[in-house]
């Protein structure tokens, strides 16, 4: 009887976890973000008390939600194998600590700000996007390294030739790299170019070549890498969904085709 009760309770929590009411979690997270923004304005005392009450109500809701998700997990140990579950649990647990009137109040507010990131953990599309960015980091690292080398070379050249023209922009290599970042983002970069053109008429070659390398070449490479990884993540997700639905994967279909081709060849040999 106890086994049946435990199984029945587990099934109830699983149904509750997949209930449509949990879609309201996104609304609660957005409302929590609005509360954080409201606290940045000067408010009367009664509204401050109301906001504190609403904040604790949202925290309790998150606690109930994460508890139901944990109890609805068939294998409890696997619940914390997911980094998102660990993140959600940590945010909820730290939010329960009453530190509003203590020296750690700033940390408490910071944790409540990060509750907005819970929207990433509950929306599959956002999770896929973030996973794609993380998966693209190894490839992006080499592109960023090459960009740094280009920045360093151009900054050294700019500091050597243009420091006497404007020491504020080209005084040393670190300031020169900041100036080049301004040029790459097209933030009034023509003012910088015209200033050096007055002394070095061919300095426009320096700026245009840098823009073509950084803004056009390397940034497009970064976009291409992220798009390719995002397509791979979508393809993997589609294959996982197909496997869960019992549909044959591409490898399984290829194996079946090879088996049929071998059978046909065998039948032909026998004849």
Protein backbone atom coordinates (compact mmCIF):
# COMPACT_ATOMS: atom_id res chain seq x y z
CA UNK A 1 0.00 0.00 0.00
CA UNK A 2 2.86 2.39 0.85
CA UNK A 3 4.57 1.63 -2.47
CA UNK A 4 1.35 2.38 -4.30
CA UNK A 5 0.95 5.64 -2.40
CA UNK A 6 4.51 6.73 -3.15
CA UNK A 7 4.07 5.90 -6.84
CA UNK A 8 0.76 7.70 -6.96
CA UNK A 9 2.27 10.74 -5.24
CA UNK A 10 5.17 10.74 -7.70
CA UNK A 11 2.71 10.66 -10.61
CA UNK A 12 0.76 13.54 -9.11
CA UNK A 13 3.87 15.69 -8.84
CA UNK A 14 4.85 14.82 -12.42
CA UNK A 15 1.41 15.89 -13.68
CA UNK A 16 1.60 19.07 -11.61
CA UNK A 17 5.06 19.86 -12.96
CA UNK A 18 3.83 19.58 -16.56
CA UNK A 19 0.66 21.53 -15.85
CA UNK A 20 -0.09 24.57 -17.99
CA UNK A 21 -0.20 26.72 -14.87
CA UNK A 22 3.56 26.54 -14.71
CA UNK A 23 3.67 28.59 -17.90
CA UNK A 24 2.74 31.51 -15.63
CA UNK A 25 6.29 31.27 -14.28
CA UNK A 26 7.46 33.51 -17.12
CA UNK A 27 4.91 36.15 -16.07
CA UNK A 28 6.08 35.90 -12.45
CA UNK A 29 9.72 36.32 -13.49
CA UNK A 30 8.86 39.41 -15.57
CA UNK A 31 6.86 40.79 -12.64
CA UNK A 32 9.86 40.16 -10.38
CA UNK A 33 12.07 42.12 -12.77
CA UNK A 34 9.58 45.01 -12.72
CA UNK A 35 9.70 45.02 -8.92
CA UNK A 36 13.48 45.30 -9.01
CA UNK A 37 13.19 48.25 -11.37
CA UNK A 38 10.54 49.91 -9.20
CA UNK A 39 12.87 49.83 -6.19
CA UNK A 40 15.33 52.09 -8.00
CA UNK A 41 12.84 55.00 -7.83
CA UNK A 42 12.07 57.11 -4.75
CA UNK A 43 8.88 55.60 -3.33
CA UNK A 44 6.67 56.36 -0.33
CA UNK A 45 6.98 54.17 2.74
CA UNK A 46 3.71 52.28 2.19
CA UNK A 47 4.74 51.26 -1.34
CA UNK A 48 8.12 50.09 -0.07
CA UNK A 49 6.35 47.79 2.38
CA UNK A 50 4.09 46.53 -0.41
CA UNK A 51 7.05 45.82 -2.68
CA UNK A 52 8.77 43.91 0.13
CA UNK A 53 5.64 41.79 0.63
CA UNK A 54 5.37 41.10 -3.11
CA UNK A 55 9.05 40.20 -3.26
CA UNK A 56 8.65 37.61 -0.50
CA UNK A 57 5.50 36.27 -2.19
CA UNK A 58 7.46 35.76 -5.42
CA UNK A 59 10.29 34.08 -3.50
CA UNK A 60 7.83 31.66 -1.87
CA UNK A 61 6.29 30.94 -5.27
CA UNK A 62 9.72 30.11 -6.67
CA UNK A 63 10.40 27.87 -3.67
CA UNK A 64 7.16 25.96 -4.23
CA UNK A 65 7.88 25.70 -7.96
CA UNK A 66 11.41 24.32 -7.53
CA UNK A 67 10.15 21.89 -4.86
CA UNK A 68 7.47 20.54 -7.19
CA UNK A 69 10.02 20.16 -9.98
CA UNK A 70 12.32 18.24 -7.63
CA UNK A 71 9.55 15.99 -6.28
CA UNK A 72 8.25 15.40 -9.80
CA UNK A 73 11.64 14.14 -10.98
CA UNK A 74 11.55 10.33 -11.24
CA UNK A 75 15.26 10.06 -10.40
CA UNK A 76 16.03 12.61 -7.69
CA UNK A 77 19.81 12.31 -8.06
CA UNK A 78 19.63 13.30 -11.71
CA UNK A 79 17.84 16.55 -10.85
CA UNK A 80 21.09 18.27 -9.91
CA UNK A 81 22.94 16.86 -12.91
CA UNK A 82 21.45 19.76 -14.85
CA UNK A 83 23.30 23.03 -14.44
CA UNK A 84 20.07 24.97 -14.88
CA UNK A 85 18.45 23.13 -11.96
CA UNK A 86 21.46 23.90 -9.78
CA UNK A 87 21.30 27.56 -10.83
CA UNK A 88 17.55 27.80 -10.12
CA UNK A 89 17.93 26.13 -6.73
CA UNK A 90 20.84 28.36 -5.73
CA UNK A 91 18.93 31.53 -6.67
CA UNK A 92 15.87 30.42 -4.69
CA UNK A 93 17.84 29.35 -1.61
CA UNK A 94 19.87 32.57 -1.44
CA UNK A 95 16.70 34.63 -1.92
CA UNK A 96 15.29 33.06 1.27
CA UNK A 97 18.05 34.55 3.42
CA UNK A 98 16.63 37.64 5.23
CA UNK A 99 19.44 40.11 4.56
CA UNK A 100 17.46 43.20 3.57
CA UNK A 101 18.46 45.14 6.70
CA UNK A 102 21.98 43.79 7.05
CA UNK A 103 25.35 44.59 5.53
CA UNK A 104 24.69 41.90 2.92
CA UNK A 105 21.64 43.73 1.56
CA UNK A 106 23.51 44.55 -1.65
CA UNK A 107 24.16 40.84 -2.26
CA UNK A 108 20.48 40.10 -1.63
CA UNK A 109 19.43 42.65 -4.23
CA UNK A 110 22.01 41.31 -6.66
CA UNK A 111 20.66 37.75 -6.30
CA UNK A 112 17.12 38.99 -6.90
CA UNK A 113 18.29 40.69 -10.08
CA UNK A 114 19.69 37.38 -11.31
CA UNK A 115 16.25 35.82 -10.88
CA UNK A 116 15.47 37.32 -14.29
CA UNK A 117 17.94 34.80 -15.75
CA UNK A 118 15.55 32.03 -14.70
CA UNK A 119 13.63 32.91 -17.84
CA UNK A 120 16.53 31.39 -19.79
CA UNK A 121 16.22 28.13 -17.86
CA UNK A 122 12.50 27.67 -18.56
CA UNK A 123 12.33 28.79 -22.21
CA UNK A 124 13.86 26.10 -24.49
CA UNK A 125 14.69 28.55 -27.27
CA UNK A 126 16.73 30.73 -24.93
CA UNK A 127 18.51 27.67 -23.53
CA UNK A 128 19.41 26.57 -27.06
CA UNK A 129 20.74 30.03 -27.86
CA UNK A 130 22.90 30.16 -24.74
CA UNK A 131 24.16 26.60 -25.27
CA UNK A 132 25.11 27.57 -28.82
CA UNK A 133 27.11 30.55 -27.59
CA UNK A 134 28.92 28.38 -25.05
CA UNK A 135 29.61 25.70 -27.67
CA UNK A 136 31.02 28.34 -30.03
CA UNK A 137 33.50 29.69 -27.47
CA UNK A 138 36.39 27.36 -28.44
CA UNK A 139 36.17 28.45 -32.09
CA UNK A 140 35.55 32.07 -31.18
CA UNK A 141 38.64 32.03 -28.99
CA UNK A 142 40.97 31.71 -31.98
CA UNK A 143 39.14 34.46 -33.87
CA UNK A 144 39.35 36.75 -30.83
CA UNK A 145 43.06 35.96 -30.49
CA UNK A 146 43.63 36.93 -34.12
CA UNK A 147 41.63 40.12 -33.59
CA UNK A 148 43.78 40.96 -30.57
CA UNK A 149 46.94 40.49 -32.66
CA UNK A 150 45.56 42.83 -35.34
CA UNK A 151 44.55 45.36 -32.67
CA UNK A 152 47.99 45.18 -31.07
CA UNK A 153 49.86 45.68 -34.35
CA UNK A 154 47.70 48.62 -35.45
CA UNK A 155 47.81 50.14 -31.97
CA UNK A 156 51.62 49.99 -31.99
CA UNK A 157 51.73 51.63 -35.42
CA UNK A 158 49.20 54.27 -34.41
CA UNK A 159 51.03 55.09 -31.18
CA UNK A 160 54.31 55.40 -33.05
CA UNK A 161 53.07 57.81 -35.73
CA UNK A 162 50.11 59.62 -34.16
CA UNK A 163 51.13 60.14 -30.51
CA UNK A 164 52.63 63.53 -31.36
CA UNK A 165 49.35 64.59 -32.99
CA UNK A 166 46.97 63.64 -30.18
CA UNK A 167 48.46 62.08 -27.08
CA UNK A 168 44.98 61.61 -25.57
CA UNK A 169 44.05 59.14 -28.30
CA UNK A 170 47.45 57.66 -29.20
CA UNK A 171 49.59 58.24 -26.10
CA UNK A 172 50.45 54.58 -25.47
CA UNK A 173 49.48 51.20 -26.86
CA UNK A 174 46.60 50.59 -24.44
CA UNK A 175 44.97 53.95 -25.21
CA UNK A 176 45.58 53.33 -28.90
CA UNK A 177 43.70 50.02 -28.67
CA UNK A 178 40.73 51.84 -27.10
CA UNK A 179 40.85 54.37 -29.93
CA UNK A 180 40.90 51.55 -32.47
CA UNK A 181 37.87 50.00 -30.77
CA UNK A 182 36.14 53.35 -31.26
CA UNK A 183 37.13 53.23 -34.93
CA UNK A 184 35.88 49.65 -35.30
CA UNK A 185 32.46 50.59 -33.84
CA UNK A 186 32.30 53.67 -36.16
CA UNK A 187 31.92 56.07 -33.20
CA UNK A 188 32.98 59.40 -34.81
CA UNK A 189 35.94 57.62 -36.34
CA UNK A 190 36.15 60.14 -39.19
CA UNK A 191 37.08 62.86 -36.67
CA UNK A 192 40.06 60.75 -35.63
CA UNK A 193 41.03 60.13 -39.24
CA UNK A 194 40.75 63.77 -40.35
CA UNK A 195 42.96 64.84 -37.45
CA UNK A 196 45.80 62.56 -38.53
CA UNK A 197 45.17 63.20 -42.23
CA UNK A 198 46.15 66.83 -41.67
CA UNK A 199 49.69 65.66 -40.82
CA UNK A 200 49.87 62.33 -42.70
CA UNK A 201 47.73 62.58 -45.89
CA UNK A 202 47.90 58.80 -46.46
CA UNK A 203 46.82 57.85 -42.94
CA UNK A 204 43.36 57.01 -44.31
CA UNK A 205 44.90 53.75 -45.55
CA UNK A 206 45.63 52.86 -41.93
CA UNK A 207 42.01 53.34 -40.89
CA UNK A 208 40.34 51.73 -43.89
CA UNK A 209 42.54 48.64 -43.79
CA UNK A 210 41.87 48.25 -40.06
CA UNK A 211 38.10 48.61 -40.57
CA UNK A 212 38.06 46.03 -43.37
CA UNK A 213 39.98 43.54 -41.22
CA UNK A 214 38.14 44.05 -37.93
CA UNK A 215 34.61 45.29 -38.62
CA UNK A 216 34.02 43.42 -41.87
CA UNK A 217 36.20 40.29 -41.88
CA UNK A 218 36.51 39.16 -38.26
CA UNK A 219 33.05 40.21 -37.07
CA UNK A 220 31.47 38.35 -39.98
CA UNK A 221 33.57 35.31 -39.07
CA UNK A 222 32.22 35.49 -35.51
CA UNK A 223 28.65 35.72 -36.78
CA UNK A 224 29.21 32.78 -39.13
CA UNK A 225 30.62 30.60 -36.34
CA UNK A 226 27.71 31.38 -34.02
CA UNK A 227 25.14 30.70 -36.76
CA UNK A 228 26.75 27.36 -37.67
CA UNK A 229 26.85 26.23 -34.05
CA UNK A 230 23.25 27.35 -33.57
CA UNK A 231 22.19 25.25 -36.56
CA UNK A 232 24.05 22.26 -35.12
CA UNK A 233 22.28 22.72 -31.77
CA UNK A 234 18.89 22.87 -33.49
CA UNK A 235 19.77 19.72 -35.46
CA UNK A 236 20.78 17.87 -32.29
CA UNK A 237 17.61 18.99 -30.55
CA UNK A 238 15.49 17.79 -33.46
CA UNK A 239 17.24 14.40 -33.40
CA UNK A 240 16.70 14.07 -29.64
CA UNK A 241 13.01 14.91 -30.02
CA UNK A 242 12.70 12.39 -32.85
CA UNK A 243 14.41 9.74 -30.71
CA UNK A 244 12.05 10.45 -27.82
CA UNK A 245 9.08 10.20 -30.17
CA UNK A 246 10.32 6.81 -31.41
CA UNK A 247 11.09 8.05 -34.92
CA UNK A 248 14.11 6.49 -36.66
CA UNK A 249 17.20 8.69 -36.78
CA UNK A 250 19.26 9.33 -39.92
CA UNK A 251 21.90 6.79 -38.89
CA UNK A 252 19.25 4.16 -38.27
CA UNK A 253 17.73 4.81 -41.71
CA UNK A 254 21.17 4.59 -43.32
CA UNK A 255 21.82 1.29 -41.50
CA UNK A 256 18.50 -0.09 -42.72
CA UNK A 257 19.28 0.99 -46.29
CA UNK A 258 22.68 -0.71 -46.13
CA UNK A 259 21.08 -3.86 -44.74
CA UNK A 260 18.49 -3.89 -47.53
CA UNK A 261 21.19 -3.30 -50.15
CA UNK A 262 23.23 -6.20 -48.76
CA UNK A 263 20.14 -8.42 -48.79
CA UNK A 264 19.43 -7.51 -52.42
CA UNK A 265 23.01 -8.27 -53.42
CA UNK A 266 22.84 -11.60 -51.58
CA UNK A 267 19.63 -12.53 -53.35
CA UNK A 268 21.23 -11.59 -56.70
CA UNK A 269 24.23 -13.83 -56.02
CA UNK A 270 22.00 -16.76 -55.17
CA UNK A 271 20.11 -16.39 -58.43
